[in-house]
PDB file of N, CA and C in Angstrom:
ATOM      1  N   MET A   1       0.847  -1.181   0.000  1.00  0.00           N
ATOM      2  CA  MET A   1       0.000   0.000   0.000  1.00  0.00           C
ATOM      3  C   MET A   1       0.889   1.240   0.000  1.00  0.00           C
ATOM      4  N   ALA A   2       0.682   2.116  -0.919  1.00  0.00           N
ATOM      5  CA  ALA A   2       1.488   3.335  -1.046  1.00  0.00           C
ATOM      6  C   ALA A   2       1.081   4.349   0.019  1.00  0.00           C
ATOM      7  N   ALA A   3       2.071   5.058   0.519  1.00  0.00           N
ATOM      8  CA  ALA A   3       1.809   6.093   1.514  1.00  0.00           C
ATOM      9  C   ALA A   3       1.227   7.325   0.826  1.00  0.00           C
ATOM     10  N   THR A   4       0.405   8.024   1.560  1.00  0.00           N
ATOM     11  CA  THR A   4      -0.163   9.251   1.024  1.00  0.00           C
ATOM     12  C   THR A   4       0.844  10.379   1.174  1.00  0.00           C
ATOM     13  N   ASN A   5       0.693  11.409   0.367  1.00  0.00           N
ATOM     14  CA  ASN A   5       1.621  12.538   0.442  1.00  0.00           C
ATOM     15  C   ASN A   5       0.972  13.727   1.145  1.00  0.00           C
ATOM     16  N   TYR A   6       0.017  13.460   2.011  1.00  0.00           N
ATOM     17  CA  TYR A   6      -0.625  14.513   2.784  1.00  0.00           C
ATOM     18  C   TYR A   6      -0.902  13.985   4.193  1.00  0.00           C
ATOM     19  N   ALA A   7      -1.139  14.898   5.102  1.00  0.00           N
ATOM     20  CA  ALA A   7      -1.449  14.552   6.479  1.00  0.00           C
ATOM     21  C   ALA A   7      -2.759  15.239   6.864  1.00  0.00           C
ATOM     22  N   VAL A   8      -3.628  14.502   7.516  1.00  0.00           N
ATOM     23  CA  VAL A   8      -4.912  15.052   7.947  1.00  0.00           C
ATOM     24  C   VAL A   8      -4.810  15.413   9.427  1.00  0.00           C
ATOM     25  N   ALA A   9      -4.901  16.711   9.704  1.00  0.00           N
ATOM     26  CA  ALA A   9      -4.858  17.171  11.091  1.00  0.00           C
ATOM     27  C   ALA A   9      -6.125  16.714  11.807  1.00  0.00           C
ATOM     28  N   PRO A  10      -5.990  16.240  13.050  1.00  0.00           N
ATOM     29  CA  PRO A  10      -7.182  15.817  13.777  1.00  0.00           C
ATOM     30  C   PRO A  10      -8.173  16.957  13.966  1.00  0.00           C
ATOM     31  N   GLY A  11      -7.682  18.175  13.897  1.00  0.00           N
ATOM     32  CA  GLY A  11      -8.562  19.330  14.008  1.00  0.00           C
ATOM     33  C   GLY A  11      -9.560  19.425  12.875  1.00  0.00           C
ATOM     34  N   GLU A  12      -9.265  18.766  11.749  1.00  0.00           N
ATOM     35  CA  GLU A  12     -10.229  18.771  10.646  1.00  0.00           C
ATOM     36  C   GLU A  12     -11.521  18.075  11.065  1.00  0.00           C
ATOM     37  N   TYR A  13     -11.401  17.043  11.907  1.00  0.00           N
ATOM     38  CA  TYR A  13     -12.589  16.358  12.419  1.00  0.00           C
ATOM     39  C   TYR A  13     -13.350  17.284  13.361  1.00  0.00           C
ATOM     40  N   LEU A  14     -12.599  18.039  14.165  1.00  0.00           N
ATOM     41  CA  LEU A  14     -13.229  19.000  15.070  1.00  0.00           C
ATOM     42  C   LEU A  14     -13.943  20.089  14.270  1.00  0.00           C
ATOM     43  N   GLU A  15     -13.295  20.589  13.231  1.00  0.00           N
ATOM     44  CA  GLU A  15     -13.904  21.627  12.399  1.00  0.00           C
ATOM     45  C   GLU A  15     -15.205  21.124  11.761  1.00  0.00           C
ATOM     46  N   GLU A  16     -15.189  19.885  11.304  1.00  0.00           N
ATOM     47  CA  GLU A  16     -16.395  19.299  10.705  1.00  0.00           C
ATOM     48  C   GLU A  16     -17.516  19.218  11.743  1.00  0.00           C
ATOM     49  N   TRP A  17     -17.165  18.805  12.965  1.00  0.00           N
ATOM     50  CA  TRP A  17     -18.156  18.714  14.039  1.00  0.00           C
ATOM     51  C   TRP A  17     -18.723  20.092  14.359  1.00  0.00           C
ATOM     52  N   ILE A  18     -17.857  21.091  14.426  1.00  0.00           N
ATOM     53  CA  ILE A  18     -18.279  22.469  14.701  1.00  0.00           C
ATOM     54  C   ILE A  18     -19.266  22.932  13.619  1.00  0.00           C
ATOM     55  N   ASP A  19     -18.913  22.676  12.367  1.00  0.00           N
ATOM     56  CA  ASP A  19     -19.790  23.063  11.249  1.00  0.00           C
ATOM     57  C   ASP A  19     -21.133  22.333  11.315  1.00  0.00           C
ATOM     58  N   ASP A  20     -21.067  21.016  11.587  1.00  0.00           N
ATOM     59  CA  ASP A  20     -22.302  20.220  11.654  1.00  0.00           C
ATOM     60  C   ASP A  20     -23.242  20.707  12.743  1.00  0.00           C
ATOM     61  N   HIS A  21     -22.676  21.267  13.811  1.00  0.00           N
ATOM     62  CA  HIS A  21     -23.484  21.725  14.939  1.00  0.00           C
ATOM     63  C   HIS A  21     -23.707  23.236  14.926  1.00  0.00           C
ATOM     64  N   SER A  22     -23.287  23.875  13.850  1.00  0.00           N
ATOM     65  CA  SER A  22     -23.470  25.330  13.677  1.00  0.00           C
ATOM     66  C   SER A  22     -22.984  26.121  14.893  1.00  0.00           C
ATOM     67  N   LEU A  23     -21.787  25.757  15.357  1.00  0.00           N
ATOM     68  CA  LEU A  23     -21.188  26.441  16.498  1.00  0.00           C
ATOM     69  C   LEU A  23     -20.028  27.304  16.037  1.00  0.00           C
ATOM     70  N   SER A  24     -19.668  28.250  16.858  1.00  0.00           N
ATOM     71  CA  SER A  24     -18.476  29.055  16.583  1.00  0.00           C
ATOM     72  C   SER A  24     -17.288  28.434  17.308  1.00  0.00           C
ATOM     73  N   GLN A  25     -16.093  28.764  16.844  1.00  0.00           N
ATOM     74  CA  GLN A  25     -14.901  28.307  17.556  1.00  0.00           C
ATOM     75  C   GLN A  25     -14.895  28.862  18.974  1.00  0.00           C
ATOM     76  N   GLN A  26     -15.386  30.074  19.152  1.00  0.00           N
ATOM     77  CA  GLN A  26     -15.447  30.674  20.490  1.00  0.00           C
ATOM     78  C   GLN A  26     -16.336  29.848  21.415  1.00  0.00           C
ATOM     79  N   ARG A  27     -17.501  29.435  20.911  1.00  0.00           N
ATOM     80  CA  ARG A  27     -18.431  28.642  21.736  1.00  0.00           C
ATOM     81  C   ARG A  27     -17.813  27.296  22.090  1.00  0.00           C
ATOM     82  N   VAL A  28     -17.152  26.664  21.145  1.00  0.00           N
ATOM     83  CA  VAL A  28     -16.504  25.377  21.410  1.00  0.00           C
ATOM     84  C   VAL A  28     -15.381  25.562  22.429  1.00  0.00           C
ATOM     85  N   ALA A  29     -14.644  26.648  22.315  1.00  0.00           N
ATOM     86  CA  ALA A  29     -13.594  26.941  23.291  1.00  0.00           C
ATOM     87  C   ALA A  29     -14.195  27.061  24.690  1.00  0.00           C
ATOM     88  N   GLU A  30     -15.325  27.739  24.794  1.00  0.00           N
ATOM     89  CA  GLU A  30     -15.992  27.865  26.093  1.00  0.00           C
ATOM     90  C   GLU A  30     -16.400  26.494  26.630  1.00  0.00           C
ATOM     91  N   LEU A  31     -16.946  25.655  25.769  1.00  0.00           N
ATOM     92  CA  LEU A  31     -17.355  24.307  26.182  1.00  0.00           C
ATOM     93  C   LEU A  31     -16.163  23.463  26.624  1.00  0.00           C
ATOM     94  N   LEU A  32     -15.032  23.679  25.954  1.00  0.00           N
ATOM     95  CA  LEU A  32     -13.814  22.917  26.273  1.00  0.00           C
ATOM     96  C   LEU A  32     -13.053  23.505  27.463  1.00  0.00           C
ATOM     97  N   GLY A  33     -13.358  24.737  27.804  1.00  0.00           N
ATOM     98  CA  GLY A  33     -12.595  25.408  28.852  1.00  0.00           C
ATOM     99  C   GLY A  33     -11.223  25.814  28.353  1.00  0.00           C
ATOM    100  N   SER A  34     -11.168  26.221  27.102  1.00  0.00           N
ATOM    101  CA  SER A  34      -9.900  26.642  26.497  1.00  0.00           C
ATOM    102  C   SER A  34     -10.115  27.970  25.775  1.00  0.00           C
ATOM    103  N   SER A  35      -9.076  28.435  25.110  1.00  0.00           N
ATOM    104  CA  SER A  35      -9.181  29.683  24.360  1.00  0.00           C
ATOM    105  C   SER A  35      -9.608  29.402  22.917  1.00  0.00           C
ATOM    106  N   ARG A  36     -10.181  30.417  22.280  1.00  0.00           N
ATOM    107  CA  ARG A  36     -10.530  30.289  20.864  1.00  0.00           C
ATOM    108  C   ARG A  36      -9.271  30.073  20.041  1.00  0.00           C
ATOM    109  N   LYS A  37      -8.176  30.718  20.457  1.00  0.00           N
ATOM    110  CA  LYS A  37      -6.902  30.553  19.758  1.00  0.00           C
ATOM    111  C   LYS A  37      -6.462  29.087  19.778  1.00  0.00           C
ATOM    112  N   GLN A  38      -6.609  28.417  20.918  1.00  0.00           N
ATOM    113  CA  GLN A  38      -6.211  27.016  20.994  1.00  0.00           C
ATOM    114  C   GLN A  38      -7.078  26.162  20.069  1.00  0.00           C
ATOM    115  N   VAL A  39      -8.371  26.410  20.063  1.00  0.00           N
ATOM    116  CA  VAL A  39      -9.272  25.662  19.177  1.00  0.00           C
ATOM    117  C   VAL A  39      -8.857  25.887  17.727  1.00  0.00           C
ATOM    118  N   ASN A  40      -8.592  27.136  17.365  1.00  0.00           N
ATOM    119  CA  ASN A  40      -8.174  27.447  15.998  1.00  0.00           C
ATOM    120  C   ASN A  40      -6.858  26.757  15.647  1.00  0.00           C
ATOM    121  N   GLU A  41      -5.917  26.742  16.571  1.00  0.00           N
ATOM    122  CA  GLU A  41      -4.627  26.102  16.301  1.00  0.00           C
ATOM    123  C   GLU A  41      -4.759  24.586  16.196  1.00  0.00           C
ATOM    124  N   ILE A  42      -5.664  23.994  16.952  1.00  0.00           N
ATOM    125  CA  ILE A  42      -5.934  22.558  16.807  1.00  0.00           C
ATOM    126  C   ILE A  42      -6.533  22.289  15.437  1.00  0.00           C
ATOM    127  N   ILE A  43      -7.506  23.092  15.045  1.00  0.00           N
ATOM    128  CA  ILE A  43      -8.161  22.913  13.739  1.00  0.00           C
ATOM    129  C   ILE A  43      -7.128  23.001  12.614  1.00  0.00           C
ATOM    130  N   ASN A  44      -6.179  23.910  12.734  1.00  0.00           N
ATOM    131  CA  ASN A  44      -5.186  24.113  11.679  1.00  0.00           C
ATOM    132  C   ASN A  44      -3.938  23.254  11.831  1.00  0.00           C
ATOM    133  N   GLY A  45      -3.942  22.344  12.798  1.00  0.00           N
ATOM    134  CA  GLY A  45      -2.831  21.412  12.958  1.00  0.00           C
ATOM    135  C   GLY A  45      -1.584  22.015  13.570  1.00  0.00           C
ATOM    136  N   ARG A  46      -1.694  23.213  14.122  1.00  0.00           N
ATOM    137  CA  ARG A  46      -0.522  23.867  14.715  1.00  0.00           C
ATOM    138  C   ARG A  46      -0.349  23.527  16.183  1.00  0.00           C
ATOM    139  N   ALA A  47      -1.430  23.161  16.874  1.00  0.00           N
ATOM    140  CA  ALA A  47      -1.349  22.782  18.280  1.00  0.00           C
ATOM    141  C   ALA A  47      -1.709  21.301  18.390  1.00  0.00           C
ATOM    142  N   PRO A  48      -0.905  20.547  19.104  1.00  0.00           N
ATOM    143  CA  PRO A  48      -1.207  19.120  19.251  1.00  0.00           C
ATOM    144  C   PRO A  48      -2.372  18.883  20.203  1.00  0.00           C
ATOM    145  N   ILE A  49      -3.029  17.768  20.027  1.00  0.00           N
ATOM    146  CA  ILE A  49      -4.064  17.352  20.962  1.00  0.00           C
ATOM    147  C   ILE A  49      -3.374  16.548  22.057  1.00  0.00           C
ATOM    148  N   THR A  50      -3.368  17.108  23.241  1.00  0.00           N
ATOM    149  CA  THR A  50      -2.756  16.453  24.395  1.00  0.00           C
ATOM    150  C   THR A  50      -3.770  15.506  25.040  1.00  0.00           C
ATOM    151  N   SER A  51      -3.317  14.732  26.006  1.00  0.00           N
ATOM    152  CA  SER A  51      -4.228  13.830  26.725  1.00  0.00           C
ATOM    153  C   SER A  51      -5.350  14.609  27.390  1.00  0.00           C
ATOM    154  N   ASP A  52      -5.013  15.743  27.995  1.00  0.00           N
ATOM    155  CA  ASP A  52      -6.015  16.575  28.660  1.00  0.00           C
ATOM    156  C   ASP A  52      -7.025  17.111  27.649  1.00  0.00           C
ATOM    157  N   THR A  53      -6.528  17.615  26.537  1.00  0.00           N
ATOM    158  CA  THR A  53      -7.424  18.135  25.500  1.00  0.00           C
ATOM    159  C   THR A  53      -8.305  17.023  24.947  1.00  0.00           C
ATOM    160  N   ALA A  54      -7.729  15.848  24.766  1.00  0.00           N
ATOM    161  CA  ALA A  54      -8.494  14.710  24.242  1.00  0.00           C
ATOM    162  C   ALA A  54      -9.643  14.346  25.183  1.00  0.00           C
ATOM    163  N   MET A  55      -9.393  14.391  26.490  1.00  0.00           N
ATOM    164  CA  MET A  55     -10.464  14.094  27.457  1.00  0.00           C
ATOM    165  C   MET A  55     -11.574  15.140  27.387  1.00  0.00           C
ATOM    166  N   ARG A  56     -11.188  16.410  27.256  1.00  0.00           N
ATOM    167  CA  ARG A  56     -12.193  17.470  27.152  1.00  0.00           C
ATOM    168  C   ARG A  56     -12.974  17.348  25.846  1.00  0.00           C
ATOM    169  N   LEU A  57     -12.271  17.005  24.753  1.00  0.00           N
ATOM    170  CA  LEU A  57     -12.956  16.816  23.472  1.00  0.00           C
ATOM    171  C   LEU A  57     -13.941  15.651  23.557  1.00  0.00           C
ATOM    172  N   GLU A  58     -13.551  14.595  24.247  1.00  0.00           N
ATOM    173  CA  GLU A  58     -14.463  13.459  24.410  1.00  0.00           C
ATOM    174  C   GLU A  58     -15.757  13.900  25.092  1.00  0.00           C
ATOM    175  N   ARG A  59     -15.641  14.694  26.144  1.00  0.00           N
ATOM    176  CA  ARG A  59     -16.825  15.153  26.879  1.00  0.00           C
ATOM    177  C   ARG A  59     -17.710  16.062  26.021  1.00  0.00           C
ATOM    178  N   VAL A  60     -17.099  16.894  25.194  1.00  0.00           N
ATOM    179  CA  VAL A  60     -17.869  17.867  24.405  1.00  0.00           C
ATOM    180  C   VAL A  60     -18.356  17.277  23.079  1.00  0.00           C
ATOM    181  N   VAL A  61     -17.452  16.624  22.366  1.00  0.00           N
ATOM    182  CA  VAL A  61     -17.747  16.157  21.007  1.00  0.00           C
ATOM    183  C   VAL A  61     -18.328  14.742  20.993  1.00  0.00           C
ATOM    184  N   GLY A  62     -17.892  13.924  21.959  1.00  0.00           N
ATOM    185  CA  GLY A  62     -18.394  12.553  22.016  1.00  0.00           C
ATOM    186  C   GLY A  62     -17.476  11.528  21.381  1.00  0.00           C
ATOM    187  N   ILE A  63     -16.419  11.970  20.723  1.00  0.00           N
ATOM    188  CA  ILE A  63     -15.430  11.042  20.156  1.00  0.00           C
ATOM    189  C   ILE A  63     -14.476  10.667  21.290  1.00  0.00           C
ATOM    190  N   PRO A  64     -14.243   9.357  21.520  1.00  0.00           N
ATOM    191  CA  PRO A  64     -13.394   8.938  22.637  1.00  0.00           C
ATOM    192  C   PRO A  64     -12.000   9.577  22.610  1.00  0.00           C
ATOM    193  N   ALA A  65     -11.480   9.859  23.794  1.00  0.00           N
ATOM    194  CA  ALA A  65     -10.154  10.475  23.919  1.00  0.00           C
ATOM    195  C   ALA A  65      -9.095   9.651  23.203  1.00  0.00           C
ATOM    196  N   LYS A  66      -9.167   8.332  23.307  1.00  0.00           N
ATOM    197  CA  LYS A  66      -8.148   7.494  22.662  1.00  0.00           C
ATOM    198  C   LYS A  66      -8.182   7.652  21.141  1.00  0.00           C
ATOM    199  N   THR A  67      -9.348   7.938  20.596  1.00  0.00           N
ATOM    200  CA  THR A  67      -9.460   8.166  19.148  1.00  0.00           C
ATOM    201  C   THR A  67      -8.796   9.482  18.774  1.00  0.00           C
ATOM    202  N   TRP A  68      -9.035  10.539  19.568  1.00  0.00           N
ATOM    203  CA  TRP A  68      -8.369  11.822  19.313  1.00  0.00           C
ATOM    204  C   TRP A  68      -6.860  11.660  19.368  1.00  0.00           C
ATOM    205  N   LEU A  69      -6.374  10.905  20.365  1.00  0.00           N
ATOM    206  CA  LEU A  69      -4.925  10.717  20.502  1.00  0.00           C
ATOM    207  C   LEU A  69      -4.364   9.887  19.355  1.00  0.00           C
ATOM    208  N   LYS A  70      -5.146   8.933  18.873  1.00  0.00           N
ATOM    209  CA  LYS A  70      -4.717   8.147  17.710  1.00  0.00           C
ATOM    210  C   LYS A  70      -4.637   9.034  16.474  1.00  0.00           C
ATOM    211  N   TYR A  71      -5.662   9.882  16.266  1.00  0.00           N
ATOM    212  CA  TYR A  71      -5.629  10.821  15.137  1.00  0.00           C
ATOM    213  C   TYR A  71      -4.388  11.712  15.223  1.00  0.00           C
ATOM    214  N   GLU A  72      -4.099  12.200  16.429  1.00  0.00           N
ATOM    215  CA  GLU A  72      -2.940  13.081  16.628  1.00  0.00           C
ATOM    216  C   GLU A  72      -1.639  12.359  16.301  1.00  0.00           C
ATOM    217  N   ALA A  73      -1.492  11.135  16.804  1.00  0.00           N
ATOM    218  CA  ALA A  73      -0.267  10.368  16.555  1.00  0.00           C
ATOM    219  C   ALA A  73      -0.093  10.085  15.063  1.00  0.00           C
ATOM    220  N   LEU A  74      -1.166   9.721  14.392  1.00  0.00           N
ATOM    221  CA  LEU A  74      -1.096   9.460  12.949  1.00  0.00           C
ATOM    222  C   LEU A  74      -0.723  10.727  12.184  1.00  0.00           C
ATOM    223  N   TYR A  75      -1.291  11.850  12.584  1.00  0.00           N
ATOM    224  CA  TYR A  75      -0.999  13.125  11.930  1.00  0.00           C
ATOM    225  C   TYR A  75       0.480  13.469  12.079  1.00  0.00           C
ATOM    226  N   ARG A  76       0.990  13.394  13.286  1.00  0.00           N
ATOM    227  CA  ARG A  76       2.400  13.738  13.524  1.00  0.00           C
ATOM    228  C   ARG A  76       3.324  12.766  12.791  1.00  0.00           C
ATOM    229  N   ALA A  77       2.966  11.477  12.751  1.00  0.00           N
ATOM    230  CA  ALA A  77       3.776  10.495  12.021  1.00  0.00           C
ATOM    231  C   ALA A  77       3.761  10.797  10.521  1.00  0.00           C
ATOM    232  N   ASP A  78       2.601  11.157   9.995  1.00  0.00           N
ATOM    233  CA  ASP A  78       2.508  11.507   8.572  1.00  0.00           C
ATOM    234  C   ASP A  78       3.343  12.745   8.258  1.00  0.00           C
ATOM    235  N   LEU A  79       3.289  13.757   9.135  1.00  0.00           N
ATOM    236  CA  LEU A  79       4.107  14.956   8.922  1.00  0.00           C
ATOM    237  C   LEU A  79       5.591  14.604   8.891  1.00  0.00           C
ATOM    238  N   ALA A  80       6.016  13.751   9.817  1.00  0.00           N
ATOM    239  CA  ALA A  80       7.427  13.352   9.872  1.00  0.00           C
ATOM    240  C   ALA A  80       7.825  12.563   8.622  1.00  0.00           C
ATOM    241  N   ARG A  81       6.939  11.662   8.184  1.00  0.00           N
ATOM    242  CA  ARG A  81       7.227  10.867   6.988  1.00  0.00           C
ATOM    243  C   ARG A  81       7.328  11.757   5.755  1.00  0.00           C
ATOM    244  N   ILE A  82       6.410  12.706   5.621  1.00  0.00           N
ATOM    245  CA  ILE A  82       6.427  13.613   4.470  1.00  0.00           C
ATOM    246  C   ILE A  82       7.709  14.444   4.473  1.00  0.00           C
ATOM    247  N   ALA A  83       8.082  14.967   5.638  1.00  0.00           N
ATOM    248  CA  ALA A  83       9.316  15.759   5.739  1.00  0.00           C
ATOM    249  C   ALA A  83      10.526  14.906   5.379  1.00  0.00           C
ATOM    250  N   ASP A  84      10.539  13.658   5.829  1.00  0.00           N
ATOM    251  CA  ASP A  84      11.654  12.763   5.519  1.00  0.00           C
ATOM    252  C   ASP A  84      11.708  12.459   4.023  1.00  0.00           C
ATOM    253  N   GLU A  85      10.550  12.214   3.415  1.00  0.00           N
ATOM    254  CA  GLU A  85      10.510  11.943   1.974  1.00  0.00           C
ATOM    255  C   GLU A  85      11.003  13.147   1.183  1.00  0.00           C
ATOM    256  N   GLU A  86      10.628  14.347   1.621  1.00  0.00           N
ATOM    257  CA  GLU A  86      11.091  15.557   0.936  1.00  0.00           C
ATOM    258  C   GLU A  86      12.602  15.722   1.084  1.00  0.00           C
ATOM    259  N   ARG A  87      13.106  15.421   2.275  1.00  0.00           N
ATOM    260  CA  ARG A  87      14.546  15.512   2.509  1.00  0.00           C
ATOM    261  C   ARG A  87      15.284  14.500   1.629  1.00  0.00           C
ATOM    262  N   LEU A  88      14.780  13.276   1.571  1.00  0.00           N
ATOM    263  CA  LEU A  88      15.415  12.246   0.752  1.00  0.00           C
ATOM    264  C   LEU A  88      15.329  12.587  -0.735  1.00  0.00           C
ATOM    265  N   ALA A  89      14.213  13.162  -1.157  1.00  0.00           N
ATOM    266  CA  ALA A  89      14.063  13.555  -2.560  1.00  0.00           C
ATOM    267  C   ALA A  89      15.097  14.613  -2.912  1.00  0.00           C
ATOM    268  N   GLY A  90      15.361  15.535  -1.991  1.00  0.00           N
ATOM    269  CA  GLY A  90      16.384  16.554  -2.211  1.00  0.00           C
ATOM    270  C   GLY A  90      17.755  15.935  -2.382  1.00  0.00           C
ATOM    271  N   HIS A  91      18.043  14.904  -1.587  1.00  0.00           N
ATOM    272  CA  HIS A  91      19.332  14.216  -1.717  1.00  0.00           C
ATOM    273  C   HIS A  91      19.413  13.440  -3.034  1.00  0.00           C
ATOM    274  N   ALA A  92      18.298  12.872  -3.459  1.00  0.00           N
ATOM    275  CA  ALA A  92      18.286  12.144  -4.732  1.00  0.00           C
ATOM    276  C   ALA A  92      18.584  13.101  -5.874  1.00  0.00           C
ATOM    277  N   ASP A  93      18.034  14.308  -5.808  1.00  0.00           N
ATOM    278  CA  ASP A  93      18.318  15.315  -6.835  1.00  0.00           C
ATOM    279  C   ASP A  93      19.797  15.686  -6.833  1.00  0.00           C
ATOM    280  N   GLU A  94      20.382  15.808  -5.638  1.00  0.00           N
ATOM    281  CA  GLU A  94      21.809  16.132  -5.533  1.00  0.00           C
ATOM    282  C   GLU A  94      22.666  15.026  -6.143  1.00  0.00           C
ATOM    283  N   VAL A  95      22.313  13.777  -5.851  1.00  0.00           N
ATOM    284  CA  VAL A  95      23.065  12.639  -6.380  1.00  0.00           C
ATOM    285  C   VAL A  95      22.941  12.582  -7.890  1.00  0.00           C
ATOM    286  N   ALA A  96      21.721  12.804  -8.393  1.00  0.00           N
ATOM    287  CA  ALA A  96      21.504  12.764  -9.839  1.00  0.00           C
ATOM    288  C   ALA A  96      22.290  13.868 -10.539  1.00  0.00           C
ATOM    289  N   SER A  97      22.299  15.065  -9.974  1.00  0.00           N
ATOM    290  CA  SER A  97      23.021  16.162 -10.635  1.00  0.00           C
ATOM    291  C   SER A  97      24.533  15.989 -10.533  1.00  0.00           C
ATOM    292  N   SER A  98      25.029  15.370  -9.475  1.00  0.00           N
ATOM    293  CA  SER A  98      26.474  15.156  -9.369  1.00  0.00           C
ATOM    294  C   SER A  98      26.919  14.025 -10.301  1.00  0.00           C
ATOM    295  N   ALA A  99      26.026  13.102 -10.605  1.00  0.00           N
ATOM    296  CA  ALA A  99      26.363  12.006 -11.533  1.00  0.00           C
ATOM    297  C   ALA A  99      26.484  12.535 -12.960  1.00  0.00           C
ATOM    298  N   ILE A 100      25.748  13.604 -13.263  1.00  0.00           N
ATOM    299  CA  ILE A 100      25.762  14.167 -14.601  1.00  0.00           C
ATOM    300  C   ILE A 100      27.056  14.939 -14.839  1.00  0.00           C
ATOM    301  N   THR A 101      27.571  15.597 -13.826  1.00  0.00           N
ATOM    302  CA  THR A 101      28.749  16.446 -14.017  1.00  0.00           C
ATOM    303  C   THR A 101      30.035  15.685 -13.946  1.00  0.00           C
TER     304      THR A 101
END
């Protein structure tokens, strides 16, 4: 099975839930006991979902904390794999160009 060349931030699931429930990020932040900035950063994949955040998301959204943590781990692993593939591709280009000269 070929690896994908993209990573899905777990916050995308949160954003979908927010949209489905016609809520604002501010309202969800209030429900979670966090800041709107944190909710926005989770949605955009800039802030990780910690164990504490996962428990709060479970209470508010209904998706089990272990699922949120699994989504987070998969996202971070995909980001690392993509970065590694890009780094290796850069080295392959260097090797190819040095073989030509």
